[in-house]
Every structure is written in C-alpha cells, then in structure tokens.
C-alpha cells in the first residue's frame, strides 16, 4: 500500500487530469469548468507550469487548481 493510499488520498484518473490540462491549454472555458467540478477533491499535484498559469504556488493540487478555476469563472 502506498503512503497516499494509506492516508485516503483522492486521486483522479490520469485521463481526467490530462483532459483538464489540455482544456486549459486550449482555453476551452466551458470544458475546463466542467472538468474542474470532477477534480475538486483530487490530491494529485499540478504540473508547475499549470500552477504558474493559474497563479498558484508550485506544488498545488488539482483540487486547488479546480477551485481557482471555478472561482475565477463564477
């Protein structure tokens, strides 16, 4: 068992995370917003370039990024 599994970490599928990153790159706001709803509890770490793009500290999670996107678009 990994440390993250032992702690009850919530990890979204790699496919969902990749779709989110691709939608951000494509500036597809509707898709980004939709995918962000599914990532609000994801404990995986965002790539550092995405953190910079979203104005977040390096090492932020997908959950933090998703919440930032939802807040920015509401």
N, C-alpha and C. Protein backbone atom coordinates (compact mmCIF):
# COMPACT_ATOMS: atom_id res chain seq x y z
N UNK A 1 0.85 -1.18 0.00
CA UNK A 1 0.00 0.00 0.00
C UNK A 1 0.89 1.24 0.00
N UNK A 2 0.55 2.20 -0.84
CA UNK A 2 1.34 3.43 -0.90
C UNK A 2 0.95 4.37 0.23
N UNK A 3 1.80 5.34 0.48
CA UNK A 3 1.52 6.31 1.54
C UNK A 3 0.24 7.08 1.24
N UNK A 4 0.02 7.44 -0.04
CA UNK A 4 -1.18 8.19 -0.37
C UNK A 4 -2.43 7.34 -0.21
N UNK A 5 -2.34 6.06 -0.55
CA UNK A 5 -3.50 5.18 -0.37
C UNK A 5 -3.80 4.99 1.11
N UNK A 6 -2.75 4.90 1.92
CA UNK A 6 -2.93 4.72 3.35
C UNK A 6 -3.58 5.94 3.99
N UNK A 7 -3.30 7.10 3.47
CA UNK A 7 -3.85 8.33 4.05
C UNK A 7 -5.22 8.66 3.49
N UNK A 8 -5.73 7.86 2.56
CA UNK A 8 -7.05 8.10 1.99
C UNK A 8 -7.05 9.17 0.92
N UNK A 9 -5.91 9.37 0.26
CA UNK A 9 -5.81 10.38 -0.78
C UNK A 9 -6.81 10.10 -1.90
N UNK A 10 -7.34 11.15 -2.48
CA UNK A 10 -8.31 11.03 -3.56
C UNK A 10 -7.63 11.45 -4.85
N UNK A 11 -7.37 10.50 -5.71
CA UNK A 11 -6.67 10.76 -6.96
C UNK A 11 -7.60 10.57 -8.14
N UNK A 12 -7.70 11.58 -8.97
CA UNK A 12 -8.49 11.47 -10.20
C UNK A 12 -7.71 10.65 -11.21
N UNK A 13 -8.41 10.10 -12.17
CA UNK A 13 -7.76 9.29 -13.21
C UNK A 13 -6.80 10.16 -14.03
N UNK A 14 -5.73 9.54 -14.53
CA UNK A 14 -4.81 10.29 -15.39
C UNK A 14 -5.52 10.88 -16.62
N UNK A 15 -6.50 10.17 -17.17
CA UNK A 15 -7.22 10.66 -18.33
C UNK A 15 -7.98 11.96 -18.00
N UNK A 16 -8.62 11.99 -16.84
CA UNK A 16 -9.36 13.19 -16.44
C UNK A 16 -8.41 14.36 -16.20
N UNK A 17 -7.29 14.08 -15.55
CA UNK A 17 -6.30 15.14 -15.31
C UNK A 17 -5.73 15.68 -16.62
N UNK A 18 -5.44 14.78 -17.56
CA UNK A 18 -4.91 15.21 -18.86
C UNK A 18 -5.95 16.03 -19.64
N UNK A 19 -7.21 15.63 -19.58
CA UNK A 19 -8.26 16.40 -20.26
C UNK A 19 -8.34 17.81 -19.68
N UNK A 20 -8.21 17.94 -18.37
CA UNK A 20 -8.23 19.25 -17.71
C UNK A 20 -7.06 20.11 -18.20
N UNK A 21 -5.87 19.54 -18.21
CA UNK A 21 -4.69 20.29 -18.67
C UNK A 21 -4.83 20.70 -20.14
N UNK A 22 -5.31 19.78 -20.97
CA UNK A 22 -5.50 20.09 -22.40
C UNK A 22 -6.55 21.17 -22.60
N UNK A 23 -7.61 21.14 -21.81
CA UNK A 23 -8.66 22.17 -21.92
C UNK A 23 -8.11 23.53 -21.50
N UNK A 24 -7.27 23.54 -20.46
CA UNK A 24 -6.63 24.81 -20.06
C UNK A 24 -5.76 25.34 -21.19
N UNK A 25 -4.96 24.47 -21.78
CA UNK A 25 -4.08 24.88 -22.89
C UNK A 25 -4.87 25.42 -24.07
N UNK A 26 -6.05 24.83 -24.31
CA UNK A 26 -6.88 25.24 -25.44
C UNK A 26 -7.79 26.42 -25.10
N UNK A 27 -7.74 26.89 -23.85
CA UNK A 27 -8.62 27.97 -23.38
C UNK A 27 -10.09 27.64 -23.60
N UNK A 28 -10.43 26.38 -23.41
CA UNK A 28 -11.82 25.91 -23.55
C UNK A 28 -12.50 26.07 -22.18
N UNK A 29 -12.97 27.27 -21.90
CA UNK A 29 -13.51 27.60 -20.58
C UNK A 29 -14.67 26.71 -20.16
N UNK A 30 -15.54 26.37 -21.07
CA UNK A 30 -16.69 25.52 -20.73
C UNK A 30 -16.22 24.14 -20.29
N UNK A 31 -15.30 23.56 -21.03
CA UNK A 31 -14.79 22.24 -20.69
C UNK A 31 -13.96 22.29 -19.40
N UNK A 32 -13.13 23.32 -19.25
CA UNK A 32 -12.34 23.48 -18.02
C UNK A 32 -13.27 23.52 -16.81
N UNK A 33 -14.31 24.30 -16.90
CA UNK A 33 -15.27 24.44 -15.79
C UNK A 33 -15.93 23.09 -15.48
N UNK A 34 -16.33 22.37 -16.52
CA UNK A 34 -16.97 21.07 -16.32
C UNK A 34 -16.00 20.08 -15.67
N UNK A 35 -14.79 20.00 -16.18
CA UNK A 35 -13.81 19.07 -15.63
C UNK A 35 -13.39 19.46 -14.21
N UNK A 36 -13.33 20.74 -13.94
CA UNK A 36 -12.93 21.21 -12.61
C UNK A 36 -13.88 20.69 -11.54
N UNK A 37 -15.14 20.56 -11.87
CA UNK A 37 -16.11 20.05 -10.89
C UNK A 37 -15.76 18.63 -10.45
N UNK A 38 -15.11 17.88 -11.33
CA UNK A 38 -14.75 16.49 -11.02
C UNK A 38 -13.38 16.38 -10.34
N UNK A 39 -12.68 17.49 -10.23
CA UNK A 39 -11.33 17.47 -9.66
C UNK A 39 -11.24 18.18 -8.30
N UNK A 40 -12.36 18.57 -7.75
CA UNK A 40 -12.35 19.38 -6.53
C UNK A 40 -11.77 18.69 -5.30
N UNK A 41 -11.61 17.38 -5.36
CA UNK A 41 -11.01 16.68 -4.22
C UNK A 41 -9.76 15.89 -4.62
N UNK A 42 -9.23 16.16 -5.80
CA UNK A 42 -8.06 15.42 -6.30
C UNK A 42 -6.79 15.91 -5.62
N UNK A 43 -6.07 14.99 -5.03
CA UNK A 43 -4.86 15.35 -4.29
C UNK A 43 -3.58 15.23 -5.12
N UNK A 44 -3.70 14.91 -6.41
CA UNK A 44 -2.52 14.87 -7.26
C UNK A 44 -1.98 16.28 -7.44
N UNK A 45 -0.68 16.38 -7.63
CA UNK A 45 -0.03 17.67 -7.80
C UNK A 45 -0.09 18.14 -9.25
N UNK A 46 -0.46 19.41 -9.44
CA UNK A 46 -0.46 20.02 -10.77
C UNK A 46 0.97 20.19 -11.28
N UNK A 47 1.16 20.14 -12.58
CA UNK A 47 2.48 20.49 -13.13
C UNK A 47 2.81 21.95 -12.77
N UNK A 48 4.09 22.23 -12.59
CA UNK A 48 4.49 23.57 -12.17
C UNK A 48 4.07 24.64 -13.18
N UNK A 49 4.10 24.32 -14.48
CA UNK A 49 3.70 25.32 -15.48
C UNK A 49 2.21 25.66 -15.35
N UNK A 50 1.41 24.69 -14.98
CA UNK A 50 -0.02 24.94 -14.78
C UNK A 50 -0.24 25.79 -13.54
N UNK A 51 0.54 25.53 -12.50
CA UNK A 51 0.45 26.36 -11.30
C UNK A 51 0.74 27.82 -11.65
N UNK A 52 1.77 28.04 -12.44
CA UNK A 52 2.12 29.40 -12.86
C UNK A 52 0.97 30.01 -13.67
N UNK A 53 0.44 29.25 -14.62
CA UNK A 53 -0.67 29.72 -15.46
C UNK A 53 -1.86 30.16 -14.62
N UNK A 54 -2.15 29.40 -13.56
CA UNK A 54 -3.31 29.70 -12.72
C UNK A 54 -2.98 30.65 -11.57
N UNK A 55 -1.71 31.05 -11.45
CA UNK A 55 -1.32 31.96 -10.38
C UNK A 55 -1.29 31.30 -9.01
N UNK A 56 -0.96 30.01 -8.99
CA UNK A 56 -0.94 29.24 -7.76
C UNK A 56 0.49 28.90 -7.36
N UNK A 57 0.71 28.63 -6.09
CA UNK A 57 2.06 28.22 -5.66
C UNK A 57 2.43 26.87 -6.27
N UNK A 58 3.70 26.71 -6.58
CA UNK A 58 4.18 25.44 -7.11
C UNK A 58 3.87 24.34 -6.09
N UNK A 59 3.42 23.20 -6.58
CA UNK A 59 3.08 22.09 -5.71
C UNK A 59 1.61 22.04 -5.34
N UNK A 60 0.82 22.97 -5.91
CA UNK A 60 -0.62 22.97 -5.65
C UNK A 60 -1.26 21.72 -6.25
N UNK A 61 -2.35 21.30 -5.67
CA UNK A 61 -3.05 20.11 -6.15
C UNK A 61 -4.06 20.48 -7.24
N UNK A 62 -4.55 19.45 -7.90
CA UNK A 62 -5.62 19.64 -8.88
C UNK A 62 -6.85 20.22 -8.20
N UNK A 63 -7.10 19.83 -6.95
CA UNK A 63 -8.26 20.37 -6.23
C UNK A 63 -8.13 21.88 -6.07
N UNK A 64 -6.96 22.35 -5.70
CA UNK A 64 -6.73 23.80 -5.56
C UNK A 64 -6.89 24.49 -6.91
N UNK A 65 -6.34 23.88 -7.96
CA UNK A 65 -6.48 24.44 -9.31
C UNK A 65 -7.93 24.46 -9.77
N UNK A 66 -8.64 23.39 -9.49
CA UNK A 66 -10.06 23.32 -9.88
C UNK A 66 -10.87 24.39 -9.18
N UNK A 67 -10.64 24.55 -7.89
CA UNK A 67 -11.37 25.58 -7.14
C UNK A 67 -11.03 26.98 -7.62
N UNK A 68 -9.77 27.20 -7.99
CA UNK A 68 -9.36 28.50 -8.53
C UNK A 68 -10.07 28.79 -9.85
N UNK A 69 -10.17 27.77 -10.70
CA UNK A 69 -10.86 27.93 -11.99
C UNK A 69 -12.34 28.21 -11.78
N UNK A 70 -12.96 27.46 -10.89
CA UNK A 70 -14.40 27.65 -10.62
C UNK A 70 -14.64 29.05 -10.07
N UNK A 71 -13.80 29.47 -9.15
CA UNK A 71 -13.96 30.81 -8.55
C UNK A 71 -13.76 31.91 -9.59
N UNK A 72 -12.75 31.71 -10.45
CA UNK A 72 -12.43 32.71 -11.47
C UNK A 72 -13.55 32.83 -12.50
N UNK A 73 -14.24 31.74 -12.79
CA UNK A 73 -15.26 31.75 -13.83
C UNK A 73 -16.66 31.99 -13.32
N UNK A 74 -16.81 32.17 -12.00
CA UNK A 74 -18.16 32.40 -11.48
C UNK A 74 -18.45 33.87 -11.29
